[in-house]
Amino acid sequence: YTPQRAQNIISPDNVKTLYKFYTDYVDVIEKCKIVTIDDVEKGGFELSVKKYIEQKAKEVIPHEKVLMAYYEALMKVRKSEEKMRNLLIEGGYVNE
């Protein structure tokens, strides 16, 4: 489907894709999963898509690396703010 603001629509291209999934009858990561009645029964008869569709593995970035990138970005912001402040003072736009 194509997500819309208040509702989702199925375009002709979406229909073609769905038909291809149906006729190919194979699992497609993050798209479709072939399940049996036994699979559904074992899943408590829950038909939630998230229960069956296989997701791609997500890259896990170490906390230290994220923290280091944050502090580097913060230092760049502070340097940029200082440069902007100095330019505004030199241009006479700010009195300090």
PDB file of N, CA and C in Angstrom:
ATOM      1  N   TYR A   1       0.829  -1.181   0.000  1.00  0.00           N
ATOM      2  CA  TYR A   1       0.000   0.000   0.000  1.00  0.00           C
ATOM      3  C   TYR A   1       0.872   1.241   0.000  1.00  0.00           C
ATOM      4  N   THR A   2       0.260   2.346  -0.303  1.00  0.00           N
ATOM      5  CA  THR A   2       0.938   3.638  -0.249  1.00  0.00           C
ATOM      6  C   THR A   2       0.369   4.404   0.941  1.00  0.00           C
ATOM      7  N   PRO A   3       1.212   4.715   1.941  1.00  0.00           N
ATOM      8  CA  PRO A   3       0.686   5.436   3.101  1.00  0.00           C
ATOM      9  C   PRO A   3       0.228   6.842   2.709  1.00  0.00           C
ATOM     10  N   GLN A   4      -0.924   7.211   3.185  1.00  0.00           N
ATOM     11  CA  GLN A   4      -1.474   8.546   2.988  1.00  0.00           C
ATOM     12  C   GLN A   4      -1.728   9.138   4.364  1.00  0.00           C
ATOM     13  N   ARG A   5      -2.204  10.346   4.383  1.00  0.00           N
ATOM     14  CA  ARG A   5      -2.400  11.033   5.660  1.00  0.00           C
ATOM     15  C   ARG A   5      -3.490  10.378   6.503  1.00  0.00           C
ATOM     16  N   ALA A   6      -4.697  10.275   5.980  1.00  0.00           N
ATOM     17  CA  ALA A   6      -5.815   9.749   6.762  1.00  0.00           C
ATOM     18  C   ALA A   6      -6.084   8.279   6.475  1.00  0.00           C
ATOM     19  N   GLN A   7      -5.573   7.784   5.356  1.00  0.00           N
ATOM     20  CA  GLN A   7      -5.805   6.386   4.999  1.00  0.00           C
ATOM     21  C   GLN A   7      -4.722   5.917   4.050  1.00  0.00           C
ATOM     22  N   ASN A   8      -4.601   4.604   3.910  1.00  0.00           N
ATOM     23  CA  ASN A   8      -3.631   4.029   2.982  1.00  0.00           C
ATOM     24  C   ASN A   8      -4.371   3.619   1.716  1.00  0.00           C
ATOM     25  N   ILE A   9      -3.685   3.731   0.582  1.00  0.00           N
ATOM     26  CA  ILE A   9      -4.310   3.341  -0.680  1.00  0.00           C
ATOM     27  C   ILE A   9      -3.476   2.255  -1.342  1.00  0.00           C
ATOM     28  N   ILE A  10      -4.136   1.441  -2.141  1.00  0.00           N
ATOM     29  CA  ILE A  10      -3.437   0.423  -2.925  1.00  0.00           C
ATOM     30  C   ILE A  10      -3.477   0.889  -4.376  1.00  0.00           C
ATOM     31  N   SER A  11      -2.315   1.252  -4.876  1.00  0.00           N
ATOM     32  CA  SER A  11      -2.203   1.741  -6.253  1.00  0.00           C
ATOM     33  C   SER A  11      -2.114   0.552  -7.205  1.00  0.00           C
ATOM     34  N   PRO A  12      -2.254   0.781  -8.498  1.00  0.00           N
ATOM     35  CA  PRO A  12      -2.076  -0.310  -9.467  1.00  0.00           C
ATOM     36  C   PRO A  12      -0.697  -0.980  -9.337  1.00  0.00           C
ATOM     37  N   ASP A  13       0.335  -0.196  -9.061  1.00  0.00           N
ATOM     38  CA  ASP A  13       1.667  -0.787  -8.859  1.00  0.00           C
ATOM     39  C   ASP A  13       1.693  -1.666  -7.616  1.00  0.00           C
ATOM     40  N   ASN A  14       1.006  -1.225  -6.542  1.00  0.00           N
ATOM     41  CA  ASN A  14       0.919  -2.035  -5.330  1.00  0.00           C
ATOM     42  C   ASN A  14       0.218  -3.361  -5.619  1.00  0.00           C
ATOM     43  N   VAL A  15      -0.829  -3.321  -6.431  1.00  0.00           N
ATOM     44  CA  VAL A  15      -1.575  -4.535  -6.778  1.00  0.00           C
ATOM     45  C   VAL A  15      -0.661  -5.501  -7.538  1.00  0.00           C
ATOM     46  N   LYS A  16       0.131  -4.967  -8.472  1.00  0.00           N
ATOM     47  CA  LYS A  16       1.070  -5.814  -9.224  1.00  0.00           C
ATOM     48  C   LYS A  16       2.079  -6.464  -8.289  1.00  0.00           C
ATOM     49  N   THR A  17       2.589  -5.692  -7.324  1.00  0.00           N
ATOM     50  CA  THR A  17       3.559  -6.227  -6.364  1.00  0.00           C
ATOM     51  C   THR A  17       2.919  -7.310  -5.511  1.00  0.00           C
ATOM     52  N   LEU A  18       1.712  -7.057  -5.018  1.00  0.00           N
ATOM     53  CA  LEU A  18       1.007  -8.058  -4.215  1.00  0.00           C
ATOM     54  C   LEU A  18       0.750  -9.332  -5.014  1.00  0.00           C
ATOM     55  N   TYR A  19       0.360  -9.171  -6.262  1.00  0.00           N
ATOM     56  CA  TYR A  19       0.113 -10.340  -7.107  1.00  0.00           C
ATOM     57  C   TYR A  19       1.400 -11.143  -7.320  1.00  0.00           C
ATOM     58  N   LYS A  20       2.506 -10.436  -7.491  1.00  0.00           N
ATOM     59  CA  LYS A  20       3.796 -11.121  -7.661  1.00  0.00           C
ATOM     60  C   LYS A  20       4.164 -11.894  -6.398  1.00  0.00           C
ATOM     61  N   PHE A  21       3.950 -11.302  -5.217  1.00  0.00           N
ATOM     62  CA  PHE A  21       4.197 -12.020  -3.962  1.00  0.00           C
ATOM     63  C   PHE A  21       3.336 -13.283  -3.904  1.00  0.00           C
ATOM     64  N   TYR A  22       2.077 -13.141  -4.289  1.00  0.00           N
ATOM     65  CA  TYR A  22       1.143 -14.272  -4.244  1.00  0.00           C
ATOM     66  C   TYR A  22       1.561 -15.379  -5.202  1.00  0.00           C
ATOM     67  N   THR A  23       1.912 -15.019  -6.435  1.00  0.00           N
ATOM     68  CA  THR A  23       2.258 -16.046  -7.424  1.00  0.00           C
ATOM     69  C   THR A  23       3.639 -16.648  -7.185  1.00  0.00           C
ATOM     70  N   ASP A  24       4.597 -15.872  -6.678  1.00  0.00           N
ATOM     71  CA  ASP A  24       5.933 -16.405  -6.388  1.00  0.00           C
ATOM     72  C   ASP A  24       5.894 -17.341  -5.185  1.00  0.00           C
ATOM     73  N   TYR A  25       5.038 -17.058  -4.231  1.00  0.00           N
ATOM     74  CA  TYR A  25       4.808 -17.881  -3.036  1.00  0.00           C
ATOM     75  C   TYR A  25       6.101 -18.201  -2.289  1.00  0.00           C
ATOM     76  N   VAL A  26       6.897 -17.158  -2.057  1.00  0.00           N
ATOM     77  CA  VAL A  26       8.131 -17.299  -1.279  1.00  0.00           C
ATOM     78  C   VAL A  26       8.208 -16.154  -0.269  1.00  0.00           C
ATOM     79  N   ASP A  27       8.973 -16.391   0.794  1.00  0.00           N
ATOM     80  CA  ASP A  27       9.192 -15.338   1.788  1.00  0.00           C
ATOM     81  C   ASP A  27      10.066 -14.236   1.196  1.00  0.00           C
ATOM     82  N   VAL A  28       9.727 -13.009   1.498  1.00  0.00           N
ATOM     83  CA  VAL A  28      10.526 -11.854   1.090  1.00  0.00           C
ATOM     84  C   VAL A  28      10.749 -11.022   2.350  1.00  0.00           C
ATOM     85  N   ILE A  29      12.025 -10.866   2.740  1.00  0.00           N
ATOM     86  CA  ILE A  29      12.346 -10.138   3.964  1.00  0.00           C
ATOM     87  C   ILE A  29      11.723  -8.753   3.928  1.00  0.00           C
ATOM     88  N   GLU A  30      11.079  -8.399   5.013  1.00  0.00           N
ATOM     89  CA  GLU A  30      10.394  -7.123   5.224  1.00  0.00           C
ATOM     90  C   GLU A  30       9.194  -6.904   4.305  1.00  0.00           C
ATOM     91  N   LYS A  31       8.758  -7.938   3.584  1.00  0.00           N
ATOM     92  CA  LYS A  31       7.617  -7.766   2.678  1.00  0.00           C
ATOM     93  C   LYS A  31       6.522  -8.805   2.909  1.00  0.00           C
ATOM     94  N   CYS A  32       6.868 -10.093   2.837  1.00  0.00           N
ATOM     95  CA  CYS A  32       5.841 -11.114   2.996  1.00  0.00           C
ATOM     96  C   CYS A  32       6.428 -12.388   3.595  1.00  0.00           C
ATOM     97  N   LYS A  33       5.534 -13.182   4.175  1.00  0.00           N
ATOM     98  CA  LYS A  33       5.932 -14.433   4.833  1.00  0.00           C
ATOM     99  C   LYS A  33       4.845 -15.454   4.561  1.00  0.00           C
ATOM    100  N   ILE A  34       5.262 -16.633   4.116  1.00  0.00           N
ATOM    101  CA  ILE A  34       4.328 -17.726   3.906  1.00  0.00           C
ATOM    102  C   ILE A  34       4.189 -18.460   5.235  1.00  0.00           C
ATOM    103  N   VAL A  35       2.959 -18.549   5.746  1.00  0.00           N
ATOM    104  CA  VAL A  35       2.718 -19.248   7.002  1.00  0.00           C
ATOM    105  C   VAL A  35       1.623 -20.285   6.805  1.00  0.00           C
ATOM    106  N   THR A  36       1.680 -21.298   7.637  1.00  0.00           N
ATOM    107  CA  THR A  36       0.655 -22.339   7.598  1.00  0.00           C
ATOM    108  C   THR A  36      -0.380 -22.054   8.677  1.00  0.00           C
ATOM    109  N   ILE A  37      -1.481 -22.798   8.631  1.00  0.00           N
ATOM    110  CA  ILE A  37      -2.500 -22.674   9.681  1.00  0.00           C
ATOM    111  C   ILE A  37      -1.874 -23.039  11.025  1.00  0.00           C
ATOM    112  N   ASP A  38      -0.983 -24.051  11.029  1.00  0.00           N
ATOM    113  CA  ASP A  38      -0.298 -24.431  12.271  1.00  0.00           C
ATOM    114  C   ASP A  38       0.538 -23.273  12.813  1.00  0.00           C
ATOM    115  N   ASP A  39       1.236 -22.547  11.921  1.00  0.00           N
ATOM    116  CA  ASP A  39       2.027 -21.385  12.347  1.00  0.00           C
ATOM    117  C   ASP A  39       1.125 -20.341  13.016  1.00  0.00           C
ATOM    118  N   VAL A  40      -0.025 -20.101  12.404  1.00  0.00           N
ATOM    119  CA  VAL A  40      -0.955 -19.110  12.936  1.00  0.00           C
ATOM    120  C   VAL A  40      -1.516 -19.582  14.280  1.00  0.00           C
ATOM    121  N   GLU A  41      -1.811 -20.872  14.362  1.00  0.00           N
ATOM    122  CA  GLU A  41      -2.319 -21.424  15.624  1.00  0.00           C
ATOM    123  C   GLU A  41      -1.268 -21.303  16.728  1.00  0.00           C
ATOM    124  N   LYS A  42      -0.020 -21.636  16.404  1.00  0.00           N
ATOM    125  CA  LYS A  42       1.066 -21.520  17.386  1.00  0.00           C
ATOM    126  C   LYS A  42       1.271 -20.066  17.805  1.00  0.00           C
ATOM    127  N   GLY A  43       0.943 -19.144  16.930  1.00  0.00           N
ATOM    128  CA  GLY A  43       1.062 -17.724  17.239  1.00  0.00           C
ATOM    129  C   GLY A  43      -0.171 -17.165  17.925  1.00  0.00           C
ATOM    130  N   GLY A  44      -1.031 -18.052  18.418  1.00  0.00           N
ATOM    131  CA  GLY A  44      -2.227 -17.609  19.130  1.00  0.00           C
ATOM    132  C   GLY A  44      -3.277 -17.006  18.212  1.00  0.00           C
ATOM    133  N   PHE A  45      -3.263 -17.407  16.946  1.00  0.00           N
ATOM    134  CA  PHE A  45      -4.188 -16.920  15.929  1.00  0.00           C
ATOM    135  C   PHE A  45      -4.095 -15.407  15.733  1.00  0.00           C
ATOM    136  N   GLU A  46      -2.960 -14.871  16.096  1.00  0.00           N
ATOM    137  CA  GLU A  46      -2.718 -13.445  15.891  1.00  0.00           C
ATOM    138  C   GLU A  46      -2.237 -13.240  14.457  1.00  0.00           C
ATOM    139  N   LEU A  47      -2.860 -12.312  13.750  1.00  0.00           N
ATOM    140  CA  LEU A  47      -2.510 -12.073  12.344  1.00  0.00           C
ATOM    141  C   LEU A  47      -1.750 -10.771  12.149  1.00  0.00           C
ATOM    142  N   SER A  48      -1.155 -10.281  13.209  1.00  0.00           N
ATOM    143  CA  SER A  48      -0.361  -9.062  13.119  1.00  0.00           C
ATOM    144  C   SER A  48       0.821  -9.288  12.182  1.00  0.00           C
ATOM    145  N   VAL A  49       1.006  -8.376  11.261  1.00  0.00           N
ATOM    146  CA  VAL A  49       2.085  -8.485  10.282  1.00  0.00           C
ATOM    147  C   VAL A  49       3.444  -8.589  10.970  1.00  0.00           C
ATOM    148  N   LYS A  50       3.651  -7.788  11.999  1.00  0.00           N
ATOM    149  CA  LYS A  50       4.944  -7.756  12.682  1.00  0.00           C
ATOM    150  C   LYS A  50       5.305  -9.096  13.320  1.00  0.00           C
ATOM    151  N   LYS A  51       4.312  -9.916  13.577  1.00  0.00           N
ATOM    152  CA  LYS A  51       4.568 -11.209  14.208  1.00  0.00           C
ATOM    153  C   LYS A  51       5.266 -12.178  13.248  1.00  0.00           C
ATOM    154  N   TYR A  52       5.033 -12.040  11.972  1.00  0.00           N
ATOM    155  CA  TYR A  52       5.530 -13.019  10.997  1.00  0.00           C
ATOM    156  C   TYR A  52       6.602 -12.484  10.047  1.00  0.00           C
ATOM    157  N   ILE A  53       6.496 -11.241   9.650  1.00  0.00           N
ATOM    158  CA  ILE A  53       7.423 -10.686   8.661  1.00  0.00           C
ATOM    159  C   ILE A  53       8.821 -10.571   9.254  1.00  0.00           C
ATOM    160  N   GLU A  54       9.799 -11.135   8.552  1.00  0.00           N
ATOM    161  CA  GLU A  54      11.195 -11.076   9.000  1.00  0.00           C
ATOM    162  C   GLU A  54      11.778  -9.702   8.686  1.00  0.00           C
ATOM    163  N   GLN A  55      12.453  -9.124   9.656  1.00  0.00           N
ATOM    164  CA  GLN A  55      13.072  -7.809   9.490  1.00  0.00           C
ATOM    165  C   GLN A  55      14.562  -7.962   9.202  1.00  0.00           C
ATOM    166  N   LYS A  56      15.107  -6.996   8.464  1.00  0.00           N
ATOM    167  CA  LYS A  56      16.549  -6.976   8.237  1.00  0.00           C
ATOM    168  C   LYS A  56      17.243  -6.698   9.560  1.00  0.00           C
ATOM    169  N   ALA A  57      18.438  -7.236   9.699  1.00  0.00           N
ATOM    170  CA  ALA A  57      19.218  -6.977  10.908  1.00  0.00           C
ATOM    171  C   ALA A  57      19.589  -5.494  10.941  1.00  0.00           C
ATOM    172  N   LYS A  58      19.413  -4.888  12.088  1.00  0.00           N
ATOM    173  CA  LYS A  58      19.743  -3.468  12.252  1.00  0.00           C
ATOM    174  C   LYS A  58      21.162  -3.345  12.779  1.00  0.00           C
ATOM    175  N   GLU A  59      21.870  -2.348  12.260  1.00  0.00           N
ATOM    176  CA  GLU A  59      23.225  -2.093  12.738  1.00  0.00           C
ATOM    177  C   GLU A  59      23.142  -1.461  14.125  1.00  0.00           C
ATOM    178  N   VAL A  60      23.879  -2.022  15.049  1.00  0.00           N
ATOM    179  CA  VAL A  60      23.913  -1.483  16.405  1.00  0.00           C
ATOM    180  C   VAL A  60      25.215  -0.705  16.563  1.00  0.00           C
ATOM    181  N   ILE A  61      25.073   0.579  16.811  1.00  0.00           N
ATOM    182  CA  ILE A  61      26.248   1.440  16.972  1.00  0.00           C
ATOM    183  C   ILE A  61      26.571   1.506  18.460  1.00  0.00           C
ATOM    184  N   PRO A  62      27.821   1.250  18.811  1.00  0.00           N
ATOM    185  CA  PRO A  62      28.193   1.285  20.221  1.00  0.00           C
ATOM    186  C   PRO A  62      27.913   2.655  20.851  1.00  0.00           C
ATOM    187  N   HIS A  63      27.502   2.616  22.105  1.00  0.00           N
ATOM    188  CA  HIS A  63      27.160   3.831  22.852  1.00  0.00           C
ATOM    189  C   HIS A  63      28.308   4.840  22.834  1.00  0.00           C
ATOM    190  N   GLU A  64      29.520   4.365  22.998  1.00  0.00           N
ATOM    191  CA  GLU A  64      30.687   5.256  23.040  1.00  0.00           C
ATOM    192  C   GLU A  64      30.844   6.016  21.728  1.00  0.00           C
ATOM    193  N   LYS A  65      30.606   5.332  20.624  1.00  0.00           N
ATOM    194  CA  LYS A  65      30.742   5.962  19.309  1.00  0.00           C
ATOM    195  C   LYS A  65      29.660   7.030  19.101  1.00  0.00           C
ATOM    196  N   VAL A  66      28.448   6.731  19.528  1.00  0.00           N
ATOM    197  CA  VAL A  66      27.352   7.691  19.416  1.00  0.00           C
ATOM    198  C   VAL A  66      27.646   8.916  20.277  1.00  0.00           C
ATOM    199  N   LEU A  67      28.110   8.682  21.489  1.00  0.00           N
ATOM    200  CA  LEU A  67      28.426   9.771  22.402  1.00  0.00           C
ATOM    201  C   LEU A  67      29.540  10.649  21.844  1.00  0.00           C
ATOM    202  N   MET A  68      30.564  10.030  21.260  1.00  0.00           N
ATOM    203  CA  MET A  68      31.675  10.783  20.685  1.00  0.00           C
ATOM    204  C   MET A  68      31.189  11.645  19.511  1.00  0.00           C
ATOM    205  N   ALA A  69      30.327  11.079  18.657  1.00  0.00           N
ATOM    206  CA  ALA A  69      29.785  11.838  17.527  1.00  0.00           C
ATOM    207  C   ALA A  69      28.937  13.006  18.020  1.00  0.00           C
ATOM    208  N   TYR A  70      28.190  12.786  19.097  1.00  0.00           N
ATOM    209  CA  TYR A  70      27.377  13.856  19.671  1.00  0.00           C
ATOM    210  C   TYR A  70      28.257  15.009  20.147  1.00  0.00           C
ATOM    211  N   TYR A  71      29.301  14.687  20.899  1.00  0.00           N
ATOM    212  CA  TYR A  71      30.170  15.742  21.421  1.00  0.00           C
ATOM    213  C   TYR A  71      30.924  16.469  20.305  1.00  0.00           C
ATOM    214  N   GLU A  72      31.312  15.750  19.254  1.00  0.00           N
ATOM    215  CA  GLU A  72      31.965  16.400  18.116  1.00  0.00           C
ATOM    216  C   GLU A  72      30.997  17.383  17.449  1.00  0.00           C
ATOM    217  N   ALA A  73      29.753  16.962  17.275  1.00  0.00           N
ATOM    218  CA  ALA A  73      28.754  17.839  16.664  1.00  0.00           C
ATOM    219  C   ALA A  73      28.470  19.039  17.561  1.00  0.00           C
ATOM    220  N   LEU A  74      28.415  18.804  18.860  1.00  0.00           N
ATOM    221  CA  LEU A  74      28.178  19.893  19.803  1.00  0.00           C
ATOM    222  C   LEU A  74      29.297  20.923  19.738  1.00  0.00           C
ATOM    223  N   MET A  75      30.543  20.475  19.649  1.00  0.00           N
ATOM    224  CA  MET A  75      31.677  21.404  19.552  1.00  0.00           C
ATOM    225  C   MET A  75      31.603  22.208  18.263  1.00  0.00           C
ATOM    226  N   LYS A  76      31.198  21.586  17.151  1.00  0.00           N
ATOM    227  CA  LYS A  76      31.056  22.309  15.882  1.00  0.00           C
ATOM    228  C   LYS A  76      29.981  23.381  15.998  1.00  0.00           C
ATOM    229  N   VAL A  77      28.883  23.045  16.659  1.00  0.00           N
ATOM    230  CA  VAL A  77      27.799  24.014  16.846  1.00  0.00           C
ATOM    231  C   VAL A  77      28.293  25.198  17.673  1.00  0.00           C
ATOM    232  N   ARG A  78      28.997  24.914  18.749  1.00  0.00           N
ATOM    233  CA  ARG A  78      29.494  25.993  19.610  1.00  0.00           C
ATOM    234  C   ARG A  78      30.486  26.890  18.871  1.00  0.00           C
ATOM    235  N   LYS A  79      31.371  26.299  18.061  1.00  0.00           N
ATOM    236  CA  LYS A  79      32.324  27.097  17.274  1.00  0.00           C
ATOM    237  C   LYS A  79      31.572  27.951  16.251  1.00  0.00           C
ATOM    238  N   SER A  80      30.548  27.372  15.626  1.00  0.00           N
ATOM    239  CA  SER A  80      29.764  28.117  14.643  1.00  0.00           C
ATOM    240  C   SER A  80      29.007  29.267  15.295  1.00  0.00           C
ATOM    241  N   GLU A  81      28.457  29.013  16.470  1.00  0.00           N
ATOM    242  CA  GLU A  81      27.756  30.083  17.187  1.00  0.00           C
ATOM    243  C   GLU A  81      28.716  31.211  17.559  1.00  0.00           C
ATOM    244  N   GLU A  82      29.903  30.857  18.008  1.00  0.00           N
ATOM    245  CA  GLU A  82      30.899  31.873  18.371  1.00  0.00           C
ATOM    246  C   GLU A  82      31.301  32.684  17.143  1.00  0.00           C
ATOM    247  N   LYS A  83      31.496  32.008  16.023  1.00  0.00           N
ATOM    248  CA  LYS A  83      31.866  32.701  14.785  1.00  0.00           C
ATOM    249  C   LYS A  83      30.746  33.651  14.350  1.00  0.00           C
ATOM    250  N   MET A  84      29.493  33.181  14.422  1.00  0.00           N
ATOM    251  CA  MET A  84      28.354  34.013  14.047  1.00  0.00           C
ATOM    252  C   MET A  84      28.256  35.218  14.977  1.00  0.00           C
ATOM    253  N   ARG A  85      28.425  35.002  16.261  1.00  0.00           N
ATOM    254  CA  ARG A  85      28.375  36.093  17.245  1.00  0.00           C
ATOM    255  C   ARG A  85      29.436  37.145  16.911  1.00  0.00           C
ATOM    256  N   ASN A  86      30.659  36.709  16.631  1.00  0.00           N
ATOM    257  CA  ASN A  86      31.736  37.638  16.299  1.00  0.00           C
ATOM    258  C   ASN A  86      31.440  38.410  15.019  1.00  0.00           C
ATOM    259  N   LEU A  87      30.897  37.749  14.026  1.00  0.00           N
ATOM    260  CA  LEU A  87      30.542  38.441  12.773  1.00  0.00           C
ATOM    261  C   LEU A  87      29.450  39.476  13.006  1.00  0.00           C
ATOM    262  N   LEU A  88      28.474  39.144  13.842  1.00  0.00           N
ATOM    263  CA  LEU A  88      27.400  40.104  14.138  1.00  0.00           C
ATOM    264  C   LEU A  88      27.935  41.318  14.897  1.00  0.00           C
ATOM    265  N   ILE A  89      28.880  41.070  15.803  1.00  0.00           N
ATOM    266  CA  ILE A  89      29.493  42.176  16.544  1.00  0.00           C
ATOM    267  C   ILE A  89      30.310  43.049  15.600  1.00  0.00           C
ATOM    268  N   GLU A  90      31.144  42.420  14.755  1.00  0.00           N
ATOM    269  CA  GLU A  90      31.977  43.172  13.801  1.00  0.00           C
ATOM    270  C   GLU A  90      31.114  43.966  12.817  1.00  0.00           C
ATOM    271  N   GLY A  91      29.975  43.403  12.432  1.00  0.00           N
ATOM    272  CA  GLY A  91      29.110  44.102  11.475  1.00  0.00           C
ATOM    273  C   GLY A  91      28.253  45.163  12.118  1.00  0.00           C
ATOM    274  N   GLY A  92      28.301  45.268  13.416  1.00  0.00           N
ATOM    275  CA  GLY A  92      27.534  46.289  14.109  1.00  0.00           C
ATOM    276  C   GLY A  92      26.063  45.909  14.312  1.00  0.00           C
ATOM    277  N   TYR A  93      25.739  44.643  14.143  1.00  0.00           N
ATOM    278  CA  TYR A  93      24.372  44.217  14.312  1.00  0.00           C
ATOM    279  C   TYR A  93      24.039  43.909  15.766  1.00  0.00           C
ATOM    280  N   VAL A  94      25.088  43.639  16.563  1.00  0.00           N
ATOM    281  CA  VAL A  94      24.895  43.305  17.970  1.00  0.00           C
ATOM    282  C   VAL A  94      25.878  44.128  18.778  1.00  0.00           C
ATOM    283  N   ASN A  95      25.414  44.724  19.840  1.00  0.00           N
ATOM    284  CA  ASN A  95      26.293  45.467  20.737  1.00  0.00           C
ATOM    285  C   ASN A  95      26.653  44.583  21.921  1.00  0.00           C
ATOM    286  N   GLU A  96      27.948  44.530  22.199  1.00  0.00           N
ATOM    287  CA  GLU A  96      28.350  43.730  23.344  1.00  0.00           C
ATOM    288  C   GLU A  96      29.537  44.319  24.024  1.00  0.00           C
TER     289      GLU A  96
END
